N, C-alpha and C. Protein backbone atom coordinates (compact mmCIF):
# COMPACT_ATOMS: atom_id res chain seq x y z
N ARG A 1 55.00 46.95 -76.41
CA ARG A 1 53.75 46.50 -75.73
C ARG A 1 54.01 45.98 -74.60
N TRP A 2 55.12 44.70 -74.69
CA TRP A 2 55.44 44.15 -73.44
C TRP A 2 56.17 44.82 -72.53
N LEU A 3 57.11 45.78 -72.80
CA LEU A 3 57.38 46.56 -71.87
C LEU A 3 56.49 47.40 -71.18
N LEU A 4 55.50 47.85 -71.88
CA LEU A 4 54.42 48.39 -71.24
C LEU A 4 53.40 47.68 -70.48
N PHE A 5 53.21 46.43 -70.75
CA PHE A 5 52.45 45.60 -69.50
C PHE A 5 53.27 45.46 -68.73
N GLU A 6 54.38 44.98 -68.71
CA GLU A 6 55.08 44.89 -67.41
C GLU A 6 55.52 46.11 -66.58
N ALA A 7 55.49 47.40 -67.32
CA ALA A 7 55.42 48.38 -66.46
C ALA A 7 53.95 48.74 -65.51
N ASN A 8 52.63 48.55 -66.31
CA ASN A 8 51.61 48.55 -65.91
C ASN A 8 51.55 47.57 -64.67
N HIS A 9 51.86 46.40 -64.91
CA HIS A 9 51.66 45.56 -63.78
C HIS A 9 52.30 45.43 -62.59
N ALA A 10 53.63 45.88 -62.90
CA ALA A 10 54.46 46.46 -61.58
C ALA A 10 53.88 47.31 -60.71
N GLY A 11 53.24 48.59 -61.47
CA GLY A 11 52.88 49.65 -60.84
C GLY A 11 51.36 49.16 -60.40
N SER A 12 50.60 48.09 -60.85
CA SER A 12 49.67 47.69 -60.16
C SER A 12 49.79 47.10 -58.76
N MET A 13 50.65 46.19 -58.78
CA MET A 13 51.26 45.32 -57.79
C MET A 13 51.94 46.29 -56.67
N HIS A 14 52.41 47.43 -57.03
CA HIS A 14 52.97 48.39 -56.03
C HIS A 14 51.85 49.05 -55.41
N ALA A 15 50.95 49.26 -56.29
CA ALA A 15 49.62 50.26 -55.56
C ALA A 15 48.95 49.32 -54.75
N SER A 16 48.73 47.96 -54.88
CA SER A 16 48.15 47.19 -54.14
C SER A 16 48.95 46.95 -52.85
N GLY A 17 50.09 46.89 -53.03
CA GLY A 17 50.92 46.51 -51.63
C GLY A 17 50.65 47.80 -50.85
N GLY A 18 50.81 48.84 -51.57
CA GLY A 18 50.62 50.39 -50.85
C GLY A 18 49.26 50.39 -49.95
N CYS A 19 48.09 49.90 -50.82
CA CYS A 19 46.85 49.66 -50.07
C CYS A 19 46.98 48.96 -48.81
N ALA A 20 47.31 47.66 -49.13
CA ALA A 20 47.46 47.05 -48.02
C ALA A 20 48.37 47.43 -46.60
N TYR A 21 49.16 47.72 -47.01
CA TYR A 21 50.18 48.55 -45.88
C TYR A 21 49.33 49.70 -45.08
N ALA A 22 48.81 50.57 -46.04
CA ALA A 22 47.76 51.34 -45.23
C ALA A 22 46.79 50.79 -44.53
N ALA A 23 46.03 49.83 -44.99
CA ALA A 23 45.01 49.19 -44.05
C ALA A 23 45.61 48.60 -42.86
N ASP A 24 46.72 47.89 -43.15
CA ASP A 24 47.04 47.26 -41.90
C ASP A 24 47.73 48.60 -40.76
N MET A 25 48.23 49.58 -41.16
CA MET A 25 48.32 50.68 -40.36
C MET A 25 47.10 51.31 -39.77
N ARG A 26 46.16 51.31 -40.43
CA ARG A 26 44.65 51.54 -39.85
C ARG A 26 44.57 50.71 -38.97
N TRP A 27 44.30 49.46 -39.13
CA TRP A 27 44.17 48.53 -38.08
C TRP A 27 44.90 48.67 -37.02
N THR A 28 46.20 48.72 -37.22
CA THR A 28 47.33 48.58 -35.91
C THR A 28 46.92 49.91 -35.33
N ARG A 29 46.65 51.23 -35.47
CA ARG A 29 46.30 52.37 -34.89
C ARG A 29 44.90 52.09 -34.15
N LEU A 30 43.82 51.26 -34.69
CA LEU A 30 42.53 51.27 -34.19
C LEU A 30 42.92 50.18 -33.02
N PHE A 31 43.64 49.28 -33.13
CA PHE A 31 43.72 48.19 -32.16
C PHE A 31 44.59 48.72 -30.90
N ASP A 32 45.76 49.71 -31.22
CA ASP A 32 46.34 50.51 -29.96
C ASP A 32 45.56 51.34 -29.42
N ASP A 33 44.44 52.28 -30.17
CA ASP A 33 43.73 52.71 -29.70
C ASP A 33 42.60 51.94 -28.73
N LEU A 34 42.34 50.74 -29.04
CA LEU A 34 41.25 50.11 -28.41
C LEU A 34 42.16 49.73 -27.14
N GLU A 35 43.26 49.23 -27.27
CA GLU A 35 44.28 48.66 -26.10
C GLU A 35 44.40 49.58 -25.13
N THR A 36 44.62 51.09 -25.64
CA THR A 36 44.49 52.27 -24.57
C THR A 36 43.29 52.33 -23.95
N GLN A 37 42.21 52.32 -24.48
CA GLN A 37 40.87 52.49 -23.81
C GLN A 37 40.93 51.35 -22.92
N TRP A 38 41.07 50.18 -23.54
CA TRP A 38 40.80 49.05 -22.43
C TRP A 38 41.56 48.87 -21.26
N ALA A 39 42.90 49.42 -21.32
CA ALA A 39 43.92 49.68 -19.88
C ALA A 39 43.58 50.68 -19.15
N ALA A 40 42.67 51.94 -19.74
CA ALA A 40 42.21 52.76 -19.16
C ALA A 40 40.97 52.46 -18.27
N GLN A 41 39.99 51.59 -18.95
CA GLN A 41 39.09 50.85 -18.34
C GLN A 41 39.15 50.08 -17.11
N GLU A 42 40.20 49.28 -17.33
CA GLU A 42 40.65 48.31 -16.26
C GLU A 42 41.11 49.12 -15.01
N ARG A 43 41.68 50.12 -15.44
CA ARG A 43 42.31 50.79 -14.18
C ARG A 43 41.30 51.47 -13.64
N LEU A 44 40.20 52.16 -14.18
CA LEU A 44 39.08 52.56 -13.37
C LEU A 44 38.41 51.64 -12.72
N GLU A 45 38.19 50.47 -13.24
CA GLU A 45 37.23 49.25 -12.59
C GLU A 45 38.35 49.01 -11.33
N LEU A 46 39.60 48.69 -11.50
CA LEU A 46 40.24 48.41 -10.30
C LEU A 46 40.30 49.60 -9.23
N ASP A 47 40.43 50.59 -9.68
CA ASP A 47 40.37 51.78 -8.60
C ASP A 47 38.77 51.79 -7.94
N ALA A 48 37.93 51.44 -8.65
CA ALA A 48 36.86 51.45 -8.19
C ALA A 48 36.56 50.17 -7.44
N GLU A 49 36.97 49.22 -7.52
CA GLU A 49 37.24 47.96 -6.79
C GLU A 49 37.97 48.40 -5.46
N VAL A 50 39.37 48.70 -5.50
CA VAL A 50 40.05 48.82 -4.51
C VAL A 50 39.20 49.90 -3.61
N ALA A 51 38.43 51.01 -4.00
CA ALA A 51 37.97 51.78 -3.39
C ALA A 51 36.86 51.17 -2.39
N ASP A 52 35.82 50.27 -3.09
CA ASP A 52 34.84 49.79 -2.85
C ASP A 52 35.30 48.94 -1.75
N ARG A 53 36.51 48.37 -1.81
CA ARG A 53 36.99 47.14 -0.95
C ARG A 53 37.45 47.87 0.63
N THR A 54 38.35 49.27 0.22
CA THR A 54 38.66 49.80 1.39
C THR A 54 37.47 50.23 2.28
N ARG A 55 36.36 50.68 1.49
CA ARG A 55 35.22 51.30 2.61
C ARG A 55 34.54 50.24 3.19
N ARG A 56 34.53 48.86 2.49
CA ARG A 56 34.03 47.50 3.14
C ARG A 56 34.68 47.38 4.44
N GLU A 57 36.38 47.30 4.27
CA GLU A 57 37.06 47.03 5.31
C GLU A 57 36.98 48.01 6.45
N ARG A 58 36.90 49.18 6.18
CA ARG A 58 36.70 50.19 7.07
C ARG A 58 35.48 50.20 8.07
N ALA A 59 34.18 49.91 7.21
CA ALA A 59 33.11 49.79 7.70
C ALA A 59 33.20 48.73 8.70
N THR A 60 34.11 47.98 8.71
CA THR A 60 34.24 46.58 9.95
C THR A 60 34.97 47.02 10.83
N ILE A 61 35.89 47.88 10.80
CA ILE A 61 36.62 48.36 11.86
C ILE A 61 36.23 49.22 13.01
N ALA A 62 36.13 48.80 14.31
CA ALA A 62 35.60 49.72 15.49
C ALA A 62 36.43 50.74 16.03
N LEU A 63 36.34 51.74 16.70
CA LEU A 63 37.31 52.65 16.99
C LEU A 63 37.89 52.03 17.92
N ASP A 64 37.67 51.05 18.89
CA ASP A 64 38.74 50.66 19.73
C ASP A 64 39.87 50.06 18.98
N GLU A 65 39.50 49.20 18.04
CA GLU A 65 40.42 48.44 17.01
C GLU A 65 41.24 49.65 16.40
N ARG A 66 41.05 50.66 16.11
CA ARG A 66 41.76 51.66 15.55
C ARG A 66 42.78 52.23 16.71
N LEU A 67 42.14 52.35 17.83
CA LEU A 67 42.83 52.89 18.75
C LEU A 67 44.03 51.98 18.97
N VAL A 68 43.93 50.81 19.31
CA VAL A 68 44.53 49.66 19.83
C VAL A 68 45.78 49.40 18.86
N GLY A 69 45.65 49.73 17.57
CA GLY A 69 46.65 49.50 16.27
C GLY A 69 47.18 50.87 16.03
N GLN A 70 47.07 51.97 16.85
CA GLN A 70 47.70 53.25 16.57
C GLN A 70 48.98 53.34 16.29
N GLY A 71 49.90 52.49 17.20
CA GLY A 71 51.09 52.48 17.51
C GLY A 71 51.79 53.72 18.27
N GLU A 72 52.83 54.09 17.97
CA GLU A 72 53.43 55.03 18.77
C GLU A 72 53.19 56.48 18.70
N GLU A 73 52.17 56.70 17.57
CA GLU A 73 51.82 58.15 17.09
C GLU A 73 50.87 58.74 18.03
N ALA A 74 51.09 59.67 18.53
CA ALA A 74 50.04 60.59 19.65
C ALA A 74 48.85 60.81 18.95
N VAL A 75 48.06 61.00 19.72
CA VAL A 75 46.57 61.36 19.48
C VAL A 75 46.18 62.62 20.31
N THR A 76 45.19 63.29 19.63
CA THR A 76 44.43 64.20 20.51
C THR A 76 43.07 63.98 20.70
N VAL A 77 42.40 63.64 21.77
CA VAL A 77 41.05 63.03 22.38
C VAL A 77 40.47 64.45 22.96
N HIS A 78 39.23 64.56 22.14
CA HIS A 78 38.28 65.74 22.41
C HIS A 78 36.99 65.06 23.40
N LEU A 79 36.86 65.74 24.04
CA LEU A 79 35.83 65.23 25.48
C LEU A 79 34.79 66.21 25.39
N ILE A 80 33.42 65.64 26.37
CA ILE A 80 32.46 66.35 26.29
C ILE A 80 32.54 67.40 27.20
N ALA A 81 33.37 67.16 27.88
CA ALA A 81 33.72 68.29 29.07
C ALA A 81 35.37 68.41 29.35
N GLY A 82 35.72 69.82 29.48
CA GLY A 82 37.23 69.89 30.00
C GLY A 82 38.04 69.85 28.39
N PRO A 83 39.38 69.96 28.73
CA PRO A 83 40.36 69.92 27.64
C PRO A 83 40.68 69.05 26.92
N PRO A 84 40.97 69.19 25.71
CA PRO A 84 41.28 67.65 25.00
C PRO A 84 42.68 67.22 25.85
N VAL A 85 42.86 66.06 25.65
CA VAL A 85 43.99 65.25 25.97
C VAL A 85 44.81 64.66 24.88
N THR A 86 45.93 64.76 24.91
CA THR A 86 47.08 64.48 23.92
C THR A 86 47.78 63.68 24.46
N GLY A 87 48.15 62.34 23.97
CA GLY A 87 49.13 61.57 24.38
C GLY A 87 49.22 60.13 23.47
N ARG A 88 50.20 59.39 23.82
CA ARG A 88 50.34 57.92 22.91
C ARG A 88 49.07 57.24 23.71
N VAL A 89 48.57 56.24 22.81
CA VAL A 89 47.58 55.10 23.51
C VAL A 89 48.25 54.19 23.93
N ASP A 90 48.52 54.24 25.14
CA ASP A 90 48.93 53.21 26.05
C ASP A 90 48.43 51.89 26.39
N ASP A 91 46.99 51.96 26.17
CA ASP A 91 45.95 50.63 26.60
C ASP A 91 44.62 50.87 26.02
N VAL A 92 43.85 49.91 25.68
CA VAL A 92 42.60 49.87 25.11
C VAL A 92 41.79 48.85 25.57
N GLY A 93 40.62 49.08 26.15
CA GLY A 93 39.71 48.03 26.68
C GLY A 93 38.13 48.28 25.98
N ASP A 94 37.33 47.34 26.79
CA ASP A 94 35.81 47.38 26.24
C ASP A 94 35.29 48.70 26.52
N GLY A 95 35.24 49.78 25.71
CA GLY A 95 34.81 50.94 26.17
C GLY A 95 35.51 52.04 26.67
N TRP A 96 36.72 51.86 26.78
CA TRP A 96 37.54 53.08 27.33
C TRP A 96 39.29 52.82 26.73
N VAL A 97 39.69 53.93 26.71
CA VAL A 97 41.36 54.00 26.30
C VAL A 97 42.18 54.72 27.33
N LEU A 98 43.41 54.21 27.52
CA LEU A 98 44.36 54.75 28.38
C LEU A 98 45.34 55.66 27.69
N LEU A 99 45.58 56.99 27.85
CA LEU A 99 46.29 57.91 27.09
C LEU A 99 47.80 58.06 28.05
N ALA A 100 48.53 58.17 27.55
CA ALA A 100 49.79 58.55 28.17
C ALA A 100 50.23 60.01 27.74
N PRO A 101 49.91 60.83 28.31
CA PRO A 101 50.25 62.40 27.99
C PRO A 101 51.59 62.88 28.46
N ALA A 102 52.15 62.09 29.32
CA ALA A 102 53.61 62.23 29.87
C ALA A 102 54.00 60.96 30.45
N GLU A 103 55.27 61.02 30.77
CA GLU A 103 55.75 60.11 31.59
C GLU A 103 55.29 59.88 32.61
N ARG A 104 54.90 58.72 33.40
CA ARG A 104 54.00 58.69 34.46
C ARG A 104 52.84 59.10 34.86
N LEU A 105 52.37 59.49 33.80
CA LEU A 105 50.94 60.24 33.72
C LEU A 105 49.98 59.40 33.07
N ARG A 106 49.07 58.93 33.45
CA ARG A 106 47.98 58.27 32.69
C ARG A 106 46.61 58.75 32.68
N VAL A 107 45.71 58.73 31.62
CA VAL A 107 44.59 59.33 31.53
C VAL A 107 43.68 58.19 30.83
N LEU A 108 42.38 57.98 31.98
CA LEU A 108 41.56 56.77 31.50
C LEU A 108 40.41 57.22 30.96
N LEU A 109 40.10 57.22 29.63
CA LEU A 109 38.81 57.77 29.18
C LEU A 109 38.13 56.92 28.73
N PRO A 110 36.47 57.07 29.32
CA PRO A 110 35.33 56.45 28.61
C PRO A 110 35.14 56.67 27.21
N LEU A 111 34.96 55.74 26.44
CA LEU A 111 34.93 56.14 24.93
C LEU A 111 33.65 56.76 24.65
N VAL A 112 32.42 56.62 25.70
CA VAL A 112 31.09 57.39 25.60
C VAL A 112 31.50 58.91 25.66
N ALA A 113 32.32 59.14 26.32
CA ALA A 113 32.76 60.68 26.59
C ALA A 113 33.67 61.50 25.65
N VAL A 114 33.87 60.52 24.51
CA VAL A 114 34.66 61.06 23.60
C VAL A 114 34.07 61.67 22.46
N VAL A 115 34.41 62.88 22.06
CA VAL A 115 33.46 63.25 20.75
C VAL A 115 34.43 63.41 19.49
N GLY A 116 35.61 63.35 19.96
CA GLY A 116 36.48 63.09 18.70
C GLY A 116 37.87 62.69 18.77
N VAL A 117 38.74 62.37 17.79
CA VAL A 117 40.00 61.95 18.11
C VAL A 117 40.81 62.60 16.79
N VAL A 118 41.91 63.01 17.07
CA VAL A 118 42.49 63.80 16.06
C VAL A 118 43.78 63.02 15.76
N GLY A 119 44.36 62.61 14.69
CA GLY A 119 45.46 62.21 14.65
C GLY A 119 45.61 60.64 14.42
N LEU A 120 44.40 60.11 14.29
CA LEU A 120 44.16 58.63 14.43
C LEU A 120 44.67 58.07 13.08
N ALA A 121 45.12 57.15 13.02
CA ALA A 121 45.32 56.36 11.64
C ALA A 121 43.95 55.85 11.06
N ALA A 122 44.15 55.83 9.65
CA ALA A 122 42.94 55.00 8.77
C ALA A 122 42.78 53.75 9.01
N ARG A 123 43.59 53.09 9.49
CA ARG A 123 43.58 51.39 9.85
C ARG A 123 44.41 51.15 10.58
N PRO A 124 44.30 50.12 11.60
CA PRO A 124 45.18 49.89 12.56
C PRO A 124 46.54 49.32 11.95
N THR A 125 47.58 49.45 12.60
CA THR A 125 48.99 49.17 12.37
C THR A 125 49.29 47.90 12.46
N ASP A 126 48.37 47.09 13.33
CA ASP A 126 48.68 45.48 13.53
C ASP A 126 47.31 44.76 13.74
N ALA A 127 47.73 43.50 14.43
CA ALA A 127 46.21 42.63 14.51
C ALA A 127 46.21 42.64 16.08
N ALA A 128 46.68 43.69 16.67
CA ALA A 128 46.60 43.69 18.29
C ALA A 128 44.86 43.95 18.42
N ARG A 129 44.38 43.44 19.71
CA ARG A 129 43.14 43.54 20.19
C ARG A 129 42.78 44.15 21.14
N ALA A 130 41.64 44.81 21.59
CA ALA A 130 41.53 45.62 22.76
C ALA A 130 41.37 44.70 24.00
N ARG A 131 41.49 44.97 25.19
CA ARG A 131 41.36 44.33 26.43
C ARG A 131 39.86 43.94 26.30
N ARG A 132 39.21 42.71 27.02
CA ARG A 132 38.04 42.66 27.01
C ARG A 132 37.31 42.98 28.08
N PHE A 133 37.94 43.51 29.32
CA PHE A 133 36.93 43.77 30.09
C PHE A 133 36.88 45.47 30.00
N GLY A 134 35.77 45.85 30.87
CA GLY A 134 35.42 47.05 30.69
C GLY A 134 35.68 48.22 31.71
N LEU A 135 35.20 49.63 31.71
CA LEU A 135 35.55 50.50 32.61
C LEU A 135 35.62 50.05 34.03
N GLY A 136 34.57 49.42 34.64
CA GLY A 136 34.46 49.03 36.11
C GLY A 136 35.96 48.21 36.38
N TYR A 137 36.12 47.26 35.44
CA TYR A 137 37.01 46.37 35.69
C TYR A 137 38.53 47.19 35.89
N ALA A 138 38.42 48.27 35.14
CA ALA A 138 39.79 49.13 34.93
C ALA A 138 39.75 49.90 36.60
N LEU A 139 38.64 50.33 36.62
CA LEU A 139 38.65 51.39 37.86
C LEU A 139 38.71 50.62 39.19
N ARG A 140 38.32 49.09 39.22
CA ARG A 140 38.86 48.39 40.27
C ARG A 140 39.98 48.09 40.44
N GLY A 141 41.17 48.31 39.18
CA GLY A 141 42.30 47.98 39.44
C GLY A 141 42.96 49.39 40.27
N LEU A 142 42.61 50.54 40.06
CA LEU A 142 42.98 51.63 40.47
C LEU A 142 42.51 51.71 41.85
N SER A 143 41.31 50.96 42.38
CA SER A 143 41.11 51.04 43.77
C SER A 143 41.80 49.94 44.38
N ARG A 144 42.08 49.09 43.90
CA ARG A 144 42.84 47.85 44.60
C ARG A 144 44.06 48.52 45.01
N ASP A 145 44.91 49.37 44.07
CA ASP A 145 46.31 49.76 44.09
C ASP A 145 46.39 51.18 44.84
N ARG A 146 44.93 51.56 45.16
CA ARG A 146 44.82 52.69 46.18
C ARG A 146 45.83 54.10 45.12
N VAL A 147 45.33 54.06 44.37
CA VAL A 147 45.89 55.13 43.35
C VAL A 147 45.12 56.55 43.65
N PRO A 148 45.88 57.81 44.10
CA PRO A 148 45.14 58.78 44.03
C PRO A 148 44.55 59.13 42.62
N VAL A 149 43.63 59.81 42.41
CA VAL A 149 43.04 59.99 41.12
C VAL A 149 42.29 61.23 41.14
N THR A 150 42.39 61.85 40.04
CA THR A 150 41.56 63.07 39.80
C THR A 150 40.55 62.58 38.50
N ILE A 151 39.09 63.04 38.97
CA ILE A 151 38.21 62.47 38.05
C ILE A 151 37.39 63.78 37.71
N LEU A 152 37.25 64.07 36.26
CA LEU A 152 36.72 64.95 35.69
C LEU A 152 35.06 64.69 35.31
N ASP A 153 33.86 65.17 35.53
CA ASP A 153 32.49 64.73 35.53
C ASP A 153 32.08 65.49 34.27
N ARG A 154 30.89 64.92 33.84
CA ARG A 154 30.49 65.61 32.82
C ARG A 154 29.94 67.22 32.87
N SER A 155 30.00 67.62 34.34
CA SER A 155 29.27 68.88 34.38
C SER A 155 30.79 69.87 34.27
N GLY A 156 31.96 69.23 34.31
CA GLY A 156 33.17 69.88 34.33
C GLY A 156 33.73 70.05 35.70
N GLY A 157 33.08 69.26 36.58
CA GLY A 157 33.63 69.37 38.01
C GLY A 157 34.63 68.56 37.99
N ARG A 158 35.65 68.56 39.16
CA ARG A 158 37.00 67.79 39.44
C ARG A 158 36.86 67.13 40.69
N ILE A 159 37.14 66.00 40.82
CA ILE A 159 36.84 65.15 42.20
C ILE A 159 38.60 64.60 42.24
N GLU A 160 39.06 64.79 43.49
CA GLU A 160 40.19 64.33 44.00
C GLU A 160 40.12 63.65 45.08
N GLY A 161 40.92 62.36 45.00
CA GLY A 161 41.20 61.64 45.99
C GLY A 161 41.31 59.90 45.78
N THR A 162 40.76 59.10 46.48
CA THR A 162 40.78 57.46 46.29
C THR A 162 39.59 56.93 45.71
N ILE A 163 40.03 56.01 44.75
CA ILE A 163 38.61 55.08 44.76
C ILE A 163 38.44 54.05 45.82
N ASP A 164 37.43 54.22 46.43
CA ASP A 164 37.41 53.28 47.40
C ASP A 164 36.57 51.83 47.22
N GLY A 165 35.74 51.91 46.40
CA GLY A 165 35.02 50.57 45.75
C GLY A 165 34.11 50.87 44.47
N VAL A 166 34.08 49.74 43.95
CA VAL A 166 33.60 50.15 42.45
C VAL A 166 32.19 48.87 42.58
N GLY A 167 31.15 49.61 41.90
CA GLY A 167 29.74 48.72 41.88
C GLY A 167 29.70 48.59 40.32
N ALA A 168 28.50 47.99 40.37
CA ALA A 168 28.04 47.64 39.07
C ALA A 168 27.88 48.56 37.82
N ASP A 169 27.71 49.99 38.19
CA ASP A 169 27.70 51.17 37.36
C ASP A 169 28.22 52.64 38.36
N ALA A 170 28.81 52.07 39.23
CA ALA A 170 29.16 53.49 39.84
C ALA A 170 30.42 53.17 40.82
N CYS A 171 31.01 54.21 41.18
CA CYS A 171 32.15 54.05 42.08
C CYS A 171 32.18 54.87 43.13
N ASP A 172 32.60 54.60 44.48
CA ASP A 172 32.77 55.26 45.69
C ASP A 172 34.25 56.22 45.73
N VAL A 173 34.16 57.17 46.14
CA VAL A 173 35.52 58.04 46.13
C VAL A 173 35.51 58.97 47.32
N SER A 174 36.55 58.53 48.01
CA SER A 174 36.96 59.12 49.27
C SER A 174 37.51 60.48 48.71
N GLU A 175 37.15 61.73 48.80
CA GLU A 175 37.76 62.94 48.40
C GLU A 175 38.63 63.51 49.41
N HIS A 176 40.26 63.71 49.05
CA HIS A 176 41.27 64.29 49.64
C HIS A 176 42.08 64.96 48.77
N ALA A 177 43.02 65.60 49.48
CA ALA A 177 44.20 66.28 48.56
C ALA A 177 45.04 65.24 48.00
N LEU A 178 45.40 65.55 46.63
CA LEU A 178 46.29 64.33 46.12
C LEU A 178 47.67 64.16 46.80
N ASP A 179 48.21 65.15 47.55
CA ASP A 179 49.47 65.21 48.07
C ASP A 179 49.16 64.61 49.65
N GLU A 180 48.15 64.16 49.67
CA GLU A 180 48.01 63.57 51.20
C GLU A 180 47.57 62.23 51.11
N ALA A 181 48.04 61.33 51.92
CA ALA A 181 47.69 59.68 52.00
C ALA A 181 45.98 59.78 52.57
N ARG A 182 45.38 58.87 51.78
CA ARG A 182 43.88 58.25 52.20
C ARG A 182 44.01 58.15 53.84
N ARG A 183 43.76 59.32 54.61
CA ARG A 183 43.58 58.73 55.94
C ARG A 183 42.00 59.48 56.55
N ALA A 184 41.59 58.83 57.52
CA ALA A 184 40.36 59.58 58.13
C ALA A 184 40.44 60.74 58.11
N GLY A 185 41.29 61.68 58.59
CA GLY A 185 41.26 62.88 59.23
C GLY A 185 41.38 63.63 57.45
N ALA A 186 42.03 62.88 56.75
CA ALA A 186 42.33 64.00 55.54
C ALA A 186 41.09 63.39 54.42
N VAL A 187 40.23 62.83 54.64
CA VAL A 187 38.93 62.84 53.83
C VAL A 187 37.96 63.80 54.03
N ARG A 188 37.57 64.46 53.08
CA ARG A 188 36.54 65.66 53.20
C ARG A 188 35.15 65.34 52.84
N ALA A 189 35.08 64.43 51.98
CA ALA A 189 33.86 63.67 51.77
C ALA A 189 33.75 62.52 50.92
N ARG A 190 32.63 61.75 50.99
CA ARG A 190 32.60 60.53 50.31
C ARG A 190 31.62 60.63 49.03
N ARG A 191 32.05 60.43 48.02
CA ARG A 191 31.17 60.76 47.11
C ARG A 191 31.09 59.63 46.01
N VAL A 192 29.69 59.24 45.51
CA VAL A 192 29.51 58.19 44.50
C VAL A 192 29.42 58.74 43.31
N VAL A 193 30.41 58.17 42.34
CA VAL A 193 30.27 58.55 40.77
C VAL A 193 29.51 57.59 39.99
N PRO A 194 28.59 57.88 39.17
CA PRO A 194 28.10 56.66 38.29
C PRO A 194 29.28 57.01 37.11
N PHE A 195 29.30 55.63 36.57
CA PHE A 195 30.26 55.15 35.41
C PHE A 195 29.82 56.61 34.28
N GLY A 196 28.48 56.76 33.93
CA GLY A 196 28.02 57.74 32.96
C GLY A 196 28.32 59.18 33.09
N ALA A 197 28.59 59.18 34.42
CA ALA A 197 29.16 60.81 34.64
C ALA A 197 30.83 60.98 34.29
N ILE A 198 31.39 59.91 34.43
CA ILE A 198 32.90 60.38 34.28
C ILE A 198 33.20 60.59 32.72
N VAL A 199 34.19 61.60 32.79
CA VAL A 199 34.90 62.03 31.31
C VAL A 199 36.46 61.48 31.31
N SER A 200 36.74 61.63 32.55
CA SER A 200 38.45 61.02 32.42
C SER A 200 38.73 60.55 34.01
N VAL A 201 39.65 60.12 34.00
CA VAL A 201 40.16 59.70 35.05
C VAL A 201 41.82 59.53 35.30
N THR A 202 42.52 60.71 36.08
CA THR A 202 43.74 61.07 35.93
C THR A 202 44.68 60.23 36.84
N ALA A 203 45.57 59.74 36.98
CA ALA A 203 46.57 59.13 37.86
C ALA A 203 47.95 59.15 37.34
N ARG A 204 48.93 58.91 38.48
CA ARG A 204 50.39 59.26 38.32
C ARG A 204 50.91 57.84 38.58
N ASP A 205 51.51 57.23 37.77
CA ASP A 205 52.25 55.99 38.48
C ASP A 205 53.17 56.02 39.40
């Protein structure tokens, strides 16, 4: 009887320990599964938060800020008239961008004449800011330096000559061949070009 009791008691304890071990394993698997689900949910929430923050940040970035932070990578700018212009962003101001398609060649583009930009980075690469002056001030610089220019207008027309003066919303251009100096005998016509008609202004350094 004693031997039988001991055997039954040992078996009962062994069975009880086995049940406890199985229960512990069930809880461990349950908690492992919950931990996995929690981590996956955290990743989803973090991804959603990052995406939402990215959208909010992007919503505050203007086109001129993206252009001025483009760096050395060239962009292709499509315009309301004429062919696209491809080049490095050389400068940016209030309502305009200056591209460098080739060495010693610069193209001034009013942003209102731009219909699309290809190759533009999603966000600026630095904290640089666009110049505060507008298109008229930039044109005054060309006029002051007597730089021969080619102006493309919204009709697709091309005007070659020298900008003589710049008003509040238009510039005066003396038309002459680009390979000739601006002299009275070389001027074919004098034209007033509204800023709103300008698609691009091309000049050589």
